[in-house]
C-alpha atoms as a PDB file:
ATOM      1  CA  MET A   1      -7.367 -15.097 -24.820  1.00  0.00           C
ATOM      2  CA  LYS A   2      -6.368 -12.064 -22.760  1.00  0.00           C
ATOM      3  CA  ASN A   3      -3.761 -14.162 -20.957  1.00  0.00           C
ATOM      4  CA  ILE A   4      -2.171 -15.252 -24.227  1.00  0.00           C
ATOM      5  CA  MET A   5      -2.065 -11.674 -25.524  1.00  0.00           C
ATOM      6  CA  GLY A   6      -0.652 -10.475 -22.205  1.00  0.00           C
ATOM      7  CA  LYS A   7       2.129 -13.043 -22.363  1.00  0.00           C
ATOM      8  CA  GLY A   8       2.901 -11.993 -25.931  1.00  0.00           C
ATOM      9  CA  ILE A   9       3.135  -8.358 -24.903  1.00  0.00           C
ATOM     10  CA  ALA A  10       5.376  -9.189 -21.954  1.00  0.00           C
ATOM     11  CA  LEU A  11       7.644 -11.282 -24.162  1.00  0.00           C
ATOM     12  CA  GLY A  12       7.899  -8.538 -26.777  1.00  0.00           C
ATOM     13  CA  LEU A  13       8.694  -5.876 -24.223  1.00  0.00           C
ATOM     14  CA  GLY A  14      11.194  -8.140 -22.520  1.00  0.00           C
ATOM     15  CA  LEU A  15      13.058  -8.609 -25.776  1.00  0.00           C
ATOM     16  CA  VAL A  16      13.167  -4.897 -26.540  1.00  0.00           C
ATOM     17  CA  VAL A  17      13.946  -3.419 -23.151  1.00  0.00           C
ATOM     18  CA  LYS A  18      16.894  -4.793 -21.233  1.00  0.00           C
ATOM     19  CA  SER A  19      17.192  -4.336 -17.507  1.00  0.00           C
ATOM     20  CA  LYS A  20      19.185  -1.476 -16.086  1.00  0.00           C
ATOM     21  CA  GLU A  21      21.763  -3.946 -14.787  1.00  0.00           C
ATOM     22  CA  GLN A  22      22.290  -5.355 -18.281  1.00  0.00           C
ATOM     23  CA  MET A  23      22.656  -1.853 -19.695  1.00  0.00           C
ATOM     24  CA  GLU A  24      25.207  -0.992 -17.001  1.00  0.00           C
ATOM     25  CA  ALA A  25      27.169  -4.147 -17.833  1.00  0.00           C
ATOM     26  CA  LEU A  26      27.138  -3.206 -21.515  1.00  0.00           C
ATOM     27  CA  VAL A  27      28.418   0.304 -20.788  1.00  0.00           C
ATOM     28  CA  ASP A  28      31.106  -1.068 -18.446  1.00  0.00           C
ATOM     29  CA  GLU A  29      32.236  -3.421 -21.206  1.00  0.00           C
ATOM     30  CA  LEU A  30      32.446  -0.514 -23.658  1.00  0.00           C
ATOM     31  CA  VAL A  31      34.593   1.394 -21.150  1.00  0.00           C
ATOM     32  CA  LYS A  32      36.887  -1.618 -20.673  1.00  0.00           C
ATOM     33  CA  LYS A  33      37.302  -1.978 -24.438  1.00  0.00           C
ATOM     34  CA  GLY A  34      38.127   1.708 -24.694  1.00  0.00           C
ATOM     35  CA  GLU A  35      35.199   2.434 -26.994  1.00  0.00           C
ATOM     36  CA  ILE A  36      33.875   5.109 -24.637  1.00  0.00           C
ATOM     37  CA  LYS A  37      35.533   7.125 -21.882  1.00  0.00           C
ATOM     38  CA  LYS A  38      34.693   6.504 -18.235  1.00  0.00           C
ATOM     39  CA  GLU A  39      33.500  10.118 -17.979  1.00  0.00           C
ATOM     40  CA  GLU A  40      30.979   9.486 -20.771  1.00  0.00           C
ATOM     41  CA  SER A  41      29.634   6.245 -19.305  1.00  0.00           C
ATOM     42  CA  ASN A  42      26.837   7.808 -17.223  1.00  0.00           C
ATOM     43  CA  GLU A  43      25.637   9.872 -20.166  1.00  0.00           C
ATOM     44  CA  VAL A  44      25.702   6.842 -22.478  1.00  0.00           C
ATOM     45  CA  LEU A  45      23.853   4.748 -19.877  1.00  0.00           C
ATOM     46  CA  ASN A  46      21.182   7.423 -19.448  1.00  0.00           C
ATOM     47  CA  GLU A  47      20.741   7.665 -23.216  1.00  0.00           C
ATOM     48  CA  LEU A  48      20.398   3.884 -23.511  1.00  0.00           C
ATOM     49  CA  LEU A  49      17.830   3.778 -20.708  1.00  0.00           C
ATOM     50  CA  GLN A  50      15.879   6.666 -22.221  1.00  0.00           C
ATOM     51  CA  LYS A  51      15.874   5.063 -25.677  1.00  0.00           C
ATOM     52  CA  GLY A  52      14.775   1.781 -24.107  1.00  0.00           C
ATOM     53  CA  GLU A  53      11.825   3.480 -22.406  1.00  0.00           C
ATOM     54  CA  GLU A  54      10.877   5.297 -25.612  1.00  0.00           C
ATOM     55  CA  THR A  55      11.019   2.048 -27.566  1.00  0.00           C
ATOM     56  CA  LYS A  56       8.958   0.299 -24.896  1.00  0.00           C
ATOM     57  CA  SER A  57       6.306   3.026 -25.029  1.00  0.00           C
ATOM     58  CA  GLU A  58       6.168   2.953 -28.827  1.00  0.00           C
ATOM     59  CA  LEU A  59       5.930  -0.835 -28.907  1.00  0.00           C
ATOM     60  CA  ASP A  60       3.253  -0.823 -26.222  1.00  0.00           C
ATOM     61  CA  GLN A  61       1.183   1.675 -28.229  1.00  0.00           C
ATOM     62  CA  MET A  62       1.583  -0.322 -31.447  1.00  0.00           C
ATOM     63  CA  ILE A  63       0.531  -3.530 -29.697  1.00  0.00           C
ATOM     64  CA  LYS A  64      -2.531  -1.855 -28.156  1.00  0.00           C
ATOM     65  CA  GLU A  65      -3.578  -0.474 -31.542  1.00  0.00           C
ATOM     66  CA  ARG A  66      -3.144  -3.860 -33.221  1.00  0.00           C
ATOM     67  CA  MET A  67      -5.056  -5.622 -30.440  1.00  0.00           C
ATOM     68  CA  ASN A  68      -7.937  -3.169 -30.819  1.00  0.00           C
ATOM     69  CA  ILE A  69      -8.037  -3.852 -34.560  1.00  0.00           C
ATOM     70  CA  MET A  70      -8.008  -7.609 -33.974  1.00  0.00           C
ATOM     71  CA  LEU A  71     -10.741  -7.428 -31.334  1.00  0.00           C
ATOM     72  CA  ASN A  72     -12.902  -5.278 -33.611  1.00  0.00           C
ATOM     73  CA  GLU A  73     -12.454  -7.801 -36.414  1.00  0.00           C
ATOM     74  CA  LEU A  74     -13.721 -10.550 -34.091  1.00  0.00           C
ATOM     75  CA  ASN A  75     -16.939  -8.545 -33.739  1.00  0.00           C
ATOM     76  CA  LEU A  76     -17.230  -9.226 -30.001  1.00  0.00           C
ATOM     77  CA  ALA A  77     -19.644  -7.344 -27.776  1.00  0.00           C
ATOM     78  CA  THR A  78     -17.944  -4.424 -26.077  1.00  0.00           C
ATOM     79  CA  LYS A  79     -18.427  -3.355 -22.487  1.00  0.00           C
ATOM     80  CA  GLU A  80     -20.570  -0.484 -23.775  1.00  0.00           C
ATOM     81  CA  ASP A  81     -22.726  -2.907 -25.806  1.00  0.00           C
ATOM     82  CA  ILE A  82     -23.379  -5.032 -22.732  1.00  0.00           C
ATOM     83  CA  GLN A  83     -24.155  -1.987 -20.571  1.00  0.00           C
ATOM     84  CA  ARG A  84     -26.618  -0.728 -23.192  1.00  0.00           C
ATOM     85  CA  ILE A  85     -28.368  -4.113 -23.260  1.00  0.00           C
ATOM     86  CA  GLU A  86     -28.482  -4.207 -19.447  1.00  0.00           C
ATOM     87  CA  ARG A  87     -30.099  -0.746 -19.336  1.00  0.00           C
ATOM     88  CA  ARG A  88     -32.641  -1.831 -21.929  1.00  0.00           C
ATOM     89  CA  LEU A  89     -33.391  -5.021 -19.994  1.00  0.00           C
ATOM     90  CA  ASP A  90     -33.800  -3.040 -16.760  1.00  0.00           C
ATOM     91  CA  ALA A  91     -36.252  -0.699 -18.506  1.00  0.00           C
ATOM     92  CA  LEU A  92     -38.245  -3.645 -19.856  1.00  0.00           C
ATOM     93  CA  GLU A  93     -38.384  -5.236 -16.408  1.00  0.00           C
ATOM     94  CA  GLN A  94     -39.804  -1.993 -14.978  1.00  0.00           C
ATOM     95  CA  GLN A  95     -42.730  -1.977 -17.406  1.00  0.00           C
ATOM     96  CA  PRO A  96     -46.031  -3.308 -16.067  1.00  0.00           C
ATOM     97  CA  LYS A  97     -46.671  -6.906 -16.995  1.00  0.00           C
ATOM     98  CA  LEU A  98     -49.615  -7.780 -19.201  1.00  0.00           C
ATOM     99  CA  GLU A  99     -51.729 -10.566 -17.745  1.00  0.00           C
END
């Protein structure tokens, strides 16, 4: 289940955040078309990269929150639940046995 969710997250982030090389190609194309000046290209590229990182962070947070909601709805034992049960079992094992 974790693997499936991990693949979904990776796919979502891959669709939102393009690689730096793709961003550079986009900016170069805008310069060639005359839509931005060569002098502005570095600034535009930096803005695109920054926005991409911000979007990635926001998407990552939203996915984590949604996953937590889904896992809670499944009512699965948490790590803390299992640790509590293990401590209780250890305490019971330490008690003298009745014979």
